[in-house]
C-alpha atoms as a PDB file:
ATOM      1  CA  MET A   1     -22.976 -34.158 -14.365  1.00  0.00           C
ATOM      2  CA  PRO A   2     -23.601 -30.695 -15.758  1.00  0.00           C
ATOM      3  CA  TRP A   3     -24.131 -29.048 -12.358  1.00  0.00           C
ATOM      4  CA  MET A   4     -20.693 -30.201 -11.192  1.00  0.00           C
ATOM      5  CA  ARG A   5     -19.075 -28.598 -14.218  1.00  0.00           C
ATOM      6  CA  LEU A   6     -21.014 -25.369 -13.600  1.00  0.00           C
ATOM      7  CA  ASP A   7     -20.048 -25.424  -9.942  1.00  0.00           C
ATOM      8  CA  LYS A   8     -16.377 -25.934 -10.841  1.00  0.00           C
ATOM      9  CA  ASN A   9     -16.496 -23.109 -13.401  1.00  0.00           C
ATOM     10  CA  TRP A  10     -18.148 -20.838 -10.845  1.00  0.00           C
ATOM     11  CA  GLN A  11     -15.473 -21.640  -8.243  1.00  0.00           C
ATOM     12  CA  GLU A  12     -12.682 -20.987 -10.751  1.00  0.00           C
ATOM     13  CA  GLN A  13     -14.273 -17.688 -11.782  1.00  0.00           C
ATOM     14  CA  LYS A  14     -14.483 -16.572  -8.145  1.00  0.00           C
ATOM     15  CA  LEU A  15     -10.834 -17.474  -7.661  1.00  0.00           C
ATOM     16  CA  ARG A  16      -9.854 -15.415 -10.734  1.00  0.00           C
ATOM     17  CA  VAL A  17     -11.754 -12.420  -9.353  1.00  0.00           C
ATOM     18  CA  TYR A  18      -9.957 -12.661  -6.016  1.00  0.00           C
ATOM     19  CA  ARG A  19      -6.578 -12.983  -7.775  1.00  0.00           C
ATOM     20  CA  ASN A  20      -7.350  -9.932  -9.922  1.00  0.00           C
ATOM     21  CA  ARG A  21      -8.288  -7.890  -6.833  1.00  0.00           C
ATOM     22  CA  HIS A  22      -5.068  -8.931  -5.129  1.00  0.00           C
ATOM     23  CA  ASP A  23      -2.969  -8.114  -8.198  1.00  0.00           C
ATOM     24  CA  GLU A  24      -4.609  -4.694  -8.530  1.00  0.00           C
ATOM     25  CA  ALA A  25      -3.999  -3.909  -4.849  1.00  0.00           C
ATOM     26  CA  LEU A  26      -0.374  -4.963  -5.299  1.00  0.00           C
ATOM     27  CA  ARG A  27       0.055  -2.674  -8.333  1.00  0.00           C
ATOM     28  CA  ILE A  28      -1.493   0.279  -6.477  1.00  0.00           C
ATOM     29  CA  SER A  29       0.772  -0.280  -3.474  1.00  0.00           C
ATOM     30  CA  ALA A  30       3.841  -0.431  -5.699  1.00  0.00           C
ATOM     31  CA  ALA A  31       2.879   2.769  -7.539  1.00  0.00           C
ATOM     32  CA  LEU A  32       2.263   4.620  -4.274  1.00  0.00           C
ATOM     33  CA  THR A  33       5.578   3.411  -2.871  1.00  0.00           C
ATOM     34  CA  ILE A  34       7.359   4.785  -5.924  1.00  0.00           C
ATOM     35  CA  ARG A  35       5.483   8.094  -5.611  1.00  0.00           C
ATOM     36  CA  ARG A  36       6.490   8.312  -1.938  1.00  0.00           C
ATOM     37  CA  GLN A  37      10.144   7.609  -2.767  1.00  0.00           C
ATOM     38  CA  ASN A  38      10.130  10.266  -5.499  1.00  0.00           C
ATOM     39  CA  LEU A  39       8.616  12.835  -3.141  1.00  0.00           C
ATOM     40  CA  LEU A  40      11.213  12.014  -0.503  1.00  0.00           C
ATOM     41  CA  ALA A  41      13.984  12.521  -3.040  1.00  0.00           C
ATOM     42  CA  GLU A  42      12.494  15.856  -4.154  1.00  0.00           C
ATOM     43  CA  ILE A  43      12.136  17.048  -0.557  1.00  0.00           C
ATOM     44  CA  LEU A  44      15.721  16.112   0.264  1.00  0.00           C
ATOM     45  CA  THR A  45      16.993  17.861  -2.844  1.00  0.00           C
ATOM     46  CA  ASP A  46      14.948  21.008  -2.157  1.00  0.00           C
ATOM     47  CA  ASP A  47      15.998  20.990   1.487  1.00  0.00           C
ATOM     48  CA  LEU A  48      19.657  20.794   0.517  1.00  0.00           C
ATOM     49  CA  ASP A  49      19.123  23.674  -1.912  1.00  0.00           C
ATOM     50  CA  GLY A  50      17.446  25.726   0.824  1.00  0.00           C
ATOM     51  CA  LEU A  51      14.049  25.749  -0.894  1.00  0.00           C
ATOM     52  CA  ASP A  52      10.677  25.611   0.856  1.00  0.00           C
ATOM     53  CA  THR A  53       9.454  22.026   1.305  1.00  0.00           C
ATOM     54  CA  ILE A  54       6.129  22.636   3.076  1.00  0.00           C
ATOM     55  CA  HIS A  55       3.933  21.880   0.055  1.00  0.00           C
ATOM     56  CA  LYS A  56       5.888  18.756  -0.848  1.00  0.00           C
ATOM     57  CA  SER A  57       5.823  17.629   2.784  1.00  0.00           C
ATOM     58  CA  ARG A  58       2.029  17.846   2.718  1.00  0.00           C
ATOM     59  CA  ARG A  59       1.986  15.832  -0.503  1.00  0.00           C
ATOM     60  CA  LEU A  60       4.280  13.291   1.161  1.00  0.00           C
ATOM     61  CA  ARG A  61       1.938  12.925   4.149  1.00  0.00           C
ATOM     62  CA  GLN A  62      -0.989  12.483   1.751  1.00  0.00           C
ATOM     63  CA  ALA A  63       0.957   9.856  -0.221  1.00  0.00           C
ATOM     64  CA  GLU A  64       1.828   8.045   3.010  1.00  0.00           C
ATOM     65  CA  ASP A  65      -1.850   8.037   4.044  1.00  0.00           C
ATOM     66  CA  GLU A  66      -2.824   6.643   0.637  1.00  0.00           C
ATOM     67  CA  LEU A  67      -0.067   4.052   0.927  1.00  0.00           C
ATOM     68  CA  ASP A  68      -1.351   3.004   4.363  1.00  0.00           C
ATOM     69  CA  ARG A  69      -4.851   2.557   2.935  1.00  0.00           C
ATOM     70  CA  ALA A  70      -3.436   0.638  -0.024  1.00  0.00           C
ATOM     71  CA  HIS A  71      -1.532  -1.669   2.316  1.00  0.00           C
ATOM     72  CA  ILE A  72      -4.720  -2.353   4.262  1.00  0.00           C
ATOM     73  CA  ASP A  73      -6.524  -3.098   0.984  1.00  0.00           C
ATOM     74  CA  LEU A  74      -3.669  -5.376  -0.062  1.00  0.00           C
ATOM     75  CA  ILE A  75      -3.762  -7.280   3.220  1.00  0.00           C
ATOM     76  CA  SER A  76      -7.522  -7.754   2.989  1.00  0.00           C
ATOM     77  CA  ALA A  77      -7.292  -8.804  -0.685  1.00  0.00           C
ATOM     78  CA  ARG A  78      -4.544 -11.293   0.173  1.00  0.00           C
ATOM     79  CA  ALA A  79      -6.580 -12.723   3.059  1.00  0.00           C
ATOM     80  CA  ALA A  80      -9.673 -13.050   0.858  1.00  0.00           C
ATOM     81  CA  LEU A  81      -7.629 -14.732  -1.879  1.00  0.00           C
ATOM     82  CA  GLU A  82      -6.058 -17.180   0.561  1.00  0.00           C
ATOM     83  CA  ALA A  83      -9.453 -18.013   2.061  1.00  0.00           C
ATOM     84  CA  GLU A  84     -10.967 -18.543  -1.376  1.00  0.00           C
ATOM     85  CA  GLU A  85      -8.020 -20.684  -2.486  1.00  0.00           C
ATOM     86  CA  ALA A  86      -8.390 -22.820   0.640  1.00  0.00           C
ATOM     87  CA  ARG A  87     -12.108 -23.202  -0.048  1.00  0.00           C
ATOM     88  CA  HIS A  88     -11.474 -23.916  -3.728  1.00  0.00           C
ATOM     89  CA  TYR A  89      -8.816 -26.543  -3.225  1.00  0.00           C
ATOM     90  CA  THR A  90     -10.691 -28.319  -0.427  1.00  0.00           C
ATOM     91  CA  HIS A  91     -14.017 -28.192  -2.251  1.00  0.00           C
ATOM     92  CA  GLU A  92     -15.843 -31.500  -2.098  1.00  0.00           C
ATOM     93  CA  PRO A  93     -18.372 -32.656  -4.656  1.00  0.00           C
ATOM     94  CA  ARG A  94     -21.932 -32.664  -3.357  1.00  0.00           C
ATOM     95  CA  GLU A  95     -22.130 -36.465  -3.448  1.00  0.00           C
ATOM     96  CA  ALA A  96     -19.217 -36.701  -1.016  1.00  0.00           C
ATOM     97  CA  ARG A  97     -21.027 -34.467   1.486  1.00  0.00           C
ATOM     98  CA  ARG A  98     -24.056 -36.766   1.609  1.00  0.00           C
END
């Protein structure tokens, strides 16, 4: 039946969207983690050299705040993906629900 094929395509498309959101959140989290590590290394180097680290410390706090938000986004994207996958893989045809 054509509606079953459309329904299946729609479900698969939704699943792809949720996977893409999760992958994007994962990439953002990884990039922010790298930025945080680089800032930490710069601050340690400057501190050892006796240079002022106030500005970089502020940037580090900002990066940590962004990383916290990215982790929250990643957790919510992962939860949405898992919920959609559970719905997708347990999806019953309409005839079976009758």
